[in-house]
Amino acid sequence: MIKFVIGGQVEKQKIADLVKSIGGDEVEVKVKNDLQAANDIKSGKADYYLGACHTGGGGALSMAIALLTKSKCATVSMPGKPPKKEDVIKAVNEGKIAFGFTGDHHEEAVKMIVEEILK
């Protein structure tokens, strides 16, 4: 079972529902505030953090960066720059565990991230 926590500032429930629809019985998903979500990753209670905001990196990842370090975080989309599959594959393979993206790209980003993690 892969445990996801959803933080960020926008689309939290939509992101959680999408993770569950893609991962099915292979995933557990909880929506939390940013601090709780990042703490769950740091303490080992969860495996991956997903968050969305309007820029893809600010409100989506600020607590994750503060608690987990930037080396464990990846911004996979920004305004006008949708997520790219090759960037997501690279981030997962590099061991990134916290992913930020813009709210308007949440469907594409979540699909790419969760599918790559489940491989």
N, C-alpha and C. Protein backbone atom coordinates (compact mmCIF):
# COMPACT_ATOMS: atom_id res chain seq x y z
N MET A 1 0.85 -1.18 0.00
CA MET A 1 0.00 0.00 0.00
C MET A 1 0.89 1.24 0.00
N ILE A 2 0.67 2.10 -0.97
CA ILE A 2 1.42 3.36 -1.05
C ILE A 2 0.55 4.46 -0.45
N LYS A 3 1.11 5.19 0.49
CA LYS A 3 0.35 6.21 1.20
C LYS A 3 0.67 7.61 0.66
N PHE A 4 -0.38 8.30 0.23
CA PHE A 4 -0.27 9.66 -0.29
C PHE A 4 -0.93 10.62 0.68
N VAL A 5 -0.31 11.78 0.88
CA VAL A 5 -0.95 12.88 1.58
C VAL A 5 -1.09 14.03 0.59
N ILE A 6 -2.21 14.71 0.70
CA ILE A 6 -2.49 15.83 -0.20
C ILE A 6 -2.45 17.11 0.61
N GLY A 7 -1.54 18.00 0.22
CA GLY A 7 -1.42 19.31 0.84
C GLY A 7 -1.71 20.37 -0.21
N GLY A 8 -0.98 21.46 -0.17
CA GLY A 8 -1.19 22.52 -1.16
C GLY A 8 -2.35 23.42 -0.80
N GLN A 9 -2.68 24.30 -1.73
CA GLN A 9 -3.67 25.33 -1.46
C GLN A 9 -4.97 25.19 -2.24
N VAL A 10 -4.96 24.45 -3.35
CA VAL A 10 -6.17 24.36 -4.18
C VAL A 10 -6.41 22.92 -4.63
N GLU A 11 -7.66 22.62 -4.94
CA GLU A 11 -8.08 21.35 -5.53
C GLU A 11 -7.75 20.11 -4.70
N LYS A 12 -7.63 20.25 -3.39
CA LYS A 12 -7.20 19.13 -2.55
C LYS A 12 -8.09 17.89 -2.71
N GLN A 13 -9.39 18.06 -2.58
CA GLN A 13 -10.27 16.89 -2.65
C GLN A 13 -10.29 16.29 -4.05
N LYS A 14 -10.24 17.13 -5.07
CA LYS A 14 -10.19 16.61 -6.45
C LYS A 14 -8.92 15.79 -6.67
N ILE A 15 -7.81 16.27 -6.13
CA ILE A 15 -6.54 15.55 -6.25
C ILE A 15 -6.63 14.21 -5.52
N ALA A 16 -7.15 14.23 -4.30
CA ALA A 16 -7.30 13.00 -3.53
C ALA A 16 -8.19 11.99 -4.26
N ASP A 17 -9.30 12.45 -4.78
CA ASP A 17 -10.21 11.56 -5.51
C ASP A 17 -9.54 10.97 -6.74
N LEU A 18 -8.75 11.78 -7.43
CA LEU A 18 -8.06 11.32 -8.63
C LEU A 18 -6.99 10.28 -8.28
N VAL A 19 -6.22 10.52 -7.23
CA VAL A 19 -5.22 9.53 -6.79
C VAL A 19 -5.90 8.21 -6.50
N LYS A 20 -7.01 8.25 -5.78
CA LYS A 20 -7.74 7.03 -5.42
C LYS A 20 -8.30 6.34 -6.67
N SER A 21 -8.81 7.11 -7.63
CA SER A 21 -9.37 6.49 -8.83
C SER A 21 -8.29 5.84 -9.69
N ILE A 22 -7.09 6.40 -9.69
CA ILE A 22 -5.98 5.83 -10.47
C ILE A 22 -5.36 4.65 -9.72
N GLY A 23 -5.15 4.79 -8.44
CA GLY A 23 -4.44 3.77 -7.66
C GLY A 23 -5.30 2.67 -7.09
N GLY A 24 -6.59 2.92 -6.94
CA GLY A 24 -7.49 1.90 -6.41
C GLY A 24 -7.04 1.37 -5.06
N ASP A 25 -7.00 0.05 -4.95
CA ASP A 25 -6.64 -0.60 -3.70
C ASP A 25 -5.15 -0.54 -3.38
N GLU A 26 -4.36 -0.03 -4.32
CA GLU A 26 -2.91 0.05 -4.10
C GLU A 26 -2.50 1.30 -3.34
N VAL A 27 -3.46 2.23 -3.14
CA VAL A 27 -3.12 3.50 -2.49
C VAL A 27 -4.04 3.81 -1.32
N GLU A 28 -3.49 4.58 -0.40
CA GLU A 28 -4.25 5.18 0.69
C GLU A 28 -4.03 6.68 0.54
N VAL A 29 -5.09 7.47 0.65
CA VAL A 29 -4.99 8.91 0.42
C VAL A 29 -5.63 9.67 1.57
N LYS A 30 -4.91 10.68 2.08
CA LYS A 30 -5.45 11.54 3.12
C LYS A 30 -5.21 13.00 2.75
N VAL A 31 -6.21 13.82 2.95
CA VAL A 31 -6.11 15.27 2.73
C VAL A 31 -5.76 15.91 4.07
N LYS A 32 -4.72 16.73 4.06
CA LYS A 32 -4.26 17.38 5.30
C LYS A 32 -3.82 18.81 4.98
N ASN A 33 -3.57 19.58 6.04
CA ASN A 33 -2.97 20.88 5.78
C ASN A 33 -1.49 20.64 5.45
N ASP A 34 -0.84 21.65 4.92
CA ASP A 34 0.54 21.49 4.44
C ASP A 34 1.51 21.00 5.51
N LEU A 35 1.41 21.57 6.68
CA LEU A 35 2.32 21.19 7.75
C LEU A 35 2.12 19.74 8.19
N GLN A 36 0.88 19.34 8.36
CA GLN A 36 0.59 17.95 8.74
C GLN A 36 1.04 16.99 7.65
N ALA A 37 0.77 17.34 6.40
CA ALA A 37 1.14 16.46 5.29
C ALA A 37 2.66 16.28 5.20
N ALA A 38 3.40 17.37 5.28
CA ALA A 38 4.86 17.28 5.21
C ALA A 38 5.42 16.53 6.42
N ASN A 39 4.82 16.75 7.59
CA ASN A 39 5.25 16.01 8.78
C ASN A 39 4.99 14.51 8.64
N ASP A 40 3.87 14.14 8.02
CA ASP A 40 3.58 12.72 7.80
C ASP A 40 4.63 12.07 6.90
N ILE A 41 5.12 12.81 5.92
CA ILE A 41 6.19 12.28 5.06
C ILE A 41 7.48 12.15 5.88
N LYS A 42 7.82 13.19 6.59
CA LYS A 42 9.07 13.20 7.36
C LYS A 42 9.10 12.09 8.42
N SER A 43 7.96 11.82 9.03
CA SER A 43 7.91 10.82 10.10
C SER A 43 7.67 9.40 9.58
N GLY A 44 7.48 9.26 8.27
CA GLY A 44 7.28 7.93 7.70
C GLY A 44 5.84 7.43 7.73
N LYS A 45 4.90 8.29 8.11
CA LYS A 45 3.49 7.90 8.13
C LYS A 45 2.89 7.88 6.71
N ALA A 46 3.54 8.56 5.78
CA ALA A 46 3.10 8.59 4.39
C ALA A 46 4.32 8.52 3.49
N ASP A 47 4.08 8.11 2.25
CA ASP A 47 5.18 7.91 1.29
C ASP A 47 5.37 9.08 0.33
N TYR A 48 4.27 9.69 -0.11
CA TYR A 48 4.34 10.74 -1.12
C TYR A 48 3.40 11.89 -0.78
N TYR A 49 3.84 13.09 -1.12
CA TYR A 49 3.09 14.32 -0.91
C TYR A 49 2.75 14.90 -2.28
N LEU A 50 1.50 15.28 -2.48
CA LEU A 50 1.08 15.99 -3.68
C LEU A 50 0.39 17.27 -3.26
N GLY A 51 0.68 18.36 -3.96
CA GLY A 51 0.05 19.63 -3.63
C GLY A 51 -0.06 20.53 -4.84
N ALA A 52 -1.12 21.31 -4.86
CA ALA A 52 -1.33 22.26 -5.96
C ALA A 52 -1.53 23.66 -5.41
N CYS A 53 -1.08 24.63 -6.19
CA CYS A 53 -1.33 26.04 -5.90
C CYS A 53 -1.39 26.76 -7.24
N HIS A 54 -1.37 28.07 -7.22
CA HIS A 54 -1.48 28.81 -8.47
C HIS A 54 -0.15 28.95 -9.21
N THR A 55 0.96 28.67 -8.53
CA THR A 55 2.27 28.79 -9.20
C THR A 55 2.95 27.44 -9.40
N GLY A 56 2.52 26.42 -8.67
CA GLY A 56 3.11 25.10 -8.78
C GLY A 56 4.21 24.81 -7.78
N GLY A 57 4.77 25.84 -7.18
CA GLY A 57 5.88 25.60 -6.26
C GLY A 57 5.76 26.34 -4.94
N GLY A 58 5.05 27.43 -4.90
CA GLY A 58 4.95 28.23 -3.68
C GLY A 58 4.10 27.55 -2.63
N GLY A 59 2.80 27.81 -2.66
CA GLY A 59 1.89 27.22 -1.68
C GLY A 59 1.77 25.72 -1.80
N ALA A 60 2.10 25.18 -2.95
CA ALA A 60 2.03 23.73 -3.14
C ALA A 60 3.12 23.01 -2.36
N LEU A 61 4.30 23.58 -2.30
CA LEU A 61 5.46 22.87 -1.76
C LEU A 61 6.22 23.56 -0.64
N SER A 62 5.83 24.73 -0.21
CA SER A 62 6.66 25.48 0.73
C SER A 62 6.93 24.71 2.03
N MET A 63 5.94 24.10 2.62
CA MET A 63 6.16 23.33 3.86
C MET A 63 6.96 22.06 3.57
N ALA A 64 6.71 21.43 2.45
CA ALA A 64 7.46 20.22 2.09
C ALA A 64 8.94 20.56 1.91
N ILE A 65 9.22 21.66 1.24
CA ILE A 65 10.61 22.07 1.05
C ILE A 65 11.26 22.38 2.40
N ALA A 66 10.53 23.07 3.26
CA ALA A 66 11.07 23.44 4.57
C ALA A 66 11.39 22.21 5.43
N LEU A 67 10.54 21.21 5.40
CA LEU A 67 10.72 20.05 6.27
C LEU A 67 11.49 18.90 5.63
N LEU A 68 11.38 18.76 4.32
CA LEU A 68 11.98 17.60 3.65
C LEU A 68 13.24 17.95 2.86
N THR A 69 13.49 19.20 2.63
CA THR A 69 14.55 19.79 1.80
C THR A 69 14.15 19.80 0.33
N LYS A 70 14.68 20.75 -0.36
CA LYS A 70 14.37 20.93 -1.77
C LYS A 70 14.78 19.70 -2.60
N SER A 71 15.78 18.97 -2.16
CA SER A 71 16.25 17.82 -2.92
C SER A 71 15.23 16.69 -2.99
N LYS A 72 14.22 16.71 -2.12
CA LYS A 72 13.18 15.68 -2.11
C LYS A 72 11.89 16.15 -2.78
N CYS A 73 11.90 17.39 -3.32
CA CYS A 73 10.69 17.99 -3.88
C CYS A 73 10.87 18.32 -5.36
N ALA A 74 9.76 18.28 -6.09
CA ALA A 74 9.79 18.62 -7.52
C ALA A 74 8.54 19.40 -7.90
N THR A 75 8.75 20.51 -8.59
CA THR A 75 7.65 21.24 -9.20
C THR A 75 7.50 20.69 -10.61
N VAL A 76 6.36 20.09 -10.91
CA VAL A 76 6.19 19.45 -12.22
C VAL A 76 5.36 20.27 -13.20
N SER A 77 4.76 21.36 -12.74
CA SER A 77 4.09 22.28 -13.67
C SER A 77 4.04 23.67 -13.06
N MET A 78 3.98 24.67 -13.94
CA MET A 78 3.87 26.06 -13.54
C MET A 78 2.90 26.73 -14.51
N PRO A 79 2.46 27.94 -14.24
CA PRO A 79 1.55 28.61 -15.16
C PRO A 79 2.13 28.64 -16.58
N GLY A 80 1.37 28.17 -17.53
CA GLY A 80 1.82 28.15 -18.92
C GLY A 80 2.79 27.04 -19.26
N LYS A 81 3.15 26.22 -18.28
CA LYS A 81 4.10 25.13 -18.50
C LYS A 81 3.51 23.83 -17.94
N PRO A 82 2.74 23.11 -18.76
CA PRO A 82 2.12 21.88 -18.27
C PRO A 82 3.16 20.81 -17.94
N PRO A 83 2.76 19.82 -17.17
CA PRO A 83 3.71 18.76 -16.80
C PRO A 83 4.15 17.95 -18.02
N LYS A 84 5.39 17.50 -17.98
CA LYS A 84 5.93 16.65 -19.04
C LYS A 84 6.25 15.29 -18.45
N LYS A 85 5.83 14.26 -19.14
CA LYS A 85 6.02 12.90 -18.64
C LYS A 85 7.49 12.60 -18.33
N GLU A 86 8.40 13.04 -19.20
CA GLU A 86 9.82 12.75 -18.98
C GLU A 86 10.34 13.42 -17.71
N ASP A 87 9.81 14.60 -17.37
CA ASP A 87 10.22 15.28 -16.14
C ASP A 87 9.70 14.54 -14.90
N VAL A 88 8.48 14.02 -15.00
CA VAL A 88 7.91 13.26 -13.88
C VAL A 88 8.68 11.96 -13.69
N ILE A 89 8.97 11.26 -14.76
CA ILE A 89 9.74 10.02 -14.68
C ILE A 89 11.09 10.27 -14.03
N LYS A 90 11.76 11.34 -14.47
CA LYS A 90 13.07 11.69 -13.91
C LYS A 90 12.96 11.99 -12.41
N ALA A 91 11.96 12.75 -12.02
CA ALA A 91 11.79 13.12 -10.61
C ALA A 91 11.55 11.89 -9.74
N VAL A 92 10.69 11.00 -10.19
CA VAL A 92 10.40 9.78 -9.41
C VAL A 92 11.67 8.93 -9.31
N ASN A 93 12.37 8.78 -10.43
CA ASN A 93 13.60 7.97 -10.44
C ASN A 93 14.70 8.58 -9.58
N GLU A 94 14.70 9.90 -9.40
CA GLU A 94 15.68 10.58 -8.55
C GLU A 94 15.31 10.50 -7.07
N GLY A 95 14.15 9.91 -6.77
CA GLY A 95 13.74 9.77 -5.37
C GLY A 95 12.96 10.92 -4.80
N LYS A 96 12.42 11.78 -5.66
CA LYS A 96 11.58 12.87 -5.16
C LYS A 96 10.33 12.27 -4.51
N ILE A 97 9.89 12.84 -3.41
CA ILE A 97 8.72 12.31 -2.71
C ILE A 97 7.62 13.35 -2.50
N ALA A 98 7.88 14.59 -2.88
CA ALA A 98 6.89 15.65 -2.79
C ALA A 98 6.79 16.34 -4.14
N PHE A 99 5.57 16.47 -4.64
CA PHE A 99 5.35 17.00 -5.98
C PHE A 99 4.36 18.15 -5.95
N GLY A 100 4.73 19.26 -6.59
CA GLY A 100 3.86 20.42 -6.68
C GLY A 100 3.52 20.71 -8.13
N PHE A 101 2.34 21.26 -8.33
CA PHE A 101 1.86 21.58 -9.67
C PHE A 101 0.75 22.63 -9.54
N THR A 102 0.38 23.22 -10.67
CA THR A 102 -0.69 24.22 -10.63
C THR A 102 -2.04 23.52 -10.61
N GLY A 103 -3.00 24.19 -10.01
CA GLY A 103 -4.34 23.62 -9.91
C GLY A 103 -4.95 23.29 -11.25
N ASP A 104 -4.68 24.11 -12.26
CA ASP A 104 -5.27 23.85 -13.57
C ASP A 104 -4.62 22.67 -14.29
N HIS A 105 -3.49 22.20 -13.81
CA HIS A 105 -2.83 21.03 -14.40
C HIS A 105 -2.98 19.78 -13.53
N HIS A 106 -3.81 19.85 -12.50
CA HIS A 106 -3.84 18.75 -11.54
C HIS A 106 -4.20 17.41 -12.16
N GLU A 107 -5.10 17.38 -13.11
CA GLU A 107 -5.48 16.09 -13.70
C GLU A 107 -4.32 15.43 -14.43
N GLU A 108 -3.63 16.20 -15.27
CA GLU A 108 -2.48 15.66 -16.00
C GLU A 108 -1.35 15.26 -15.05
N ALA A 109 -1.02 16.17 -14.13
CA ALA A 109 0.11 15.94 -13.23
C ALA A 109 -0.12 14.72 -12.35
N VAL A 110 -1.28 14.64 -11.72
CA VAL A 110 -1.57 13.54 -10.82
C VAL A 110 -1.52 12.21 -11.56
N LYS A 111 -2.11 12.16 -12.74
CA LYS A 111 -2.11 10.92 -13.54
C LYS A 111 -0.67 10.47 -13.81
N MET A 112 0.17 11.39 -14.27
CA MET A 112 1.56 11.05 -14.58
C MET A 112 2.32 10.59 -13.33
N ILE A 113 2.17 11.33 -12.24
CA ILE A 113 2.91 11.03 -11.01
C ILE A 113 2.49 9.68 -10.44
N VAL A 114 1.20 9.49 -10.26
CA VAL A 114 0.72 8.25 -9.63
C VAL A 114 1.03 7.04 -10.50
N GLU A 115 0.82 7.15 -11.79
CA GLU A 115 1.14 6.01 -12.67
C GLU A 115 2.62 5.66 -12.61
N GLU A 116 3.47 6.66 -12.56
CA GLU A 116 4.92 6.39 -12.50
C GLU A 116 5.31 5.77 -11.16
N ILE A 117 4.74 6.24 -10.08
CA ILE A 117 5.03 5.68 -8.77
C ILE A 117 4.56 4.22 -8.67
N LEU A 118 3.43 3.92 -9.28
CA LEU A 118 2.87 2.57 -9.21
C LEU A 118 3.60 1.55 -10.09
N LYS A 119 4.48 2.00 -10.96
CA LYS A 119 5.20 1.06 -11.83
C LYS A 119 6.07 0.12 -11.05
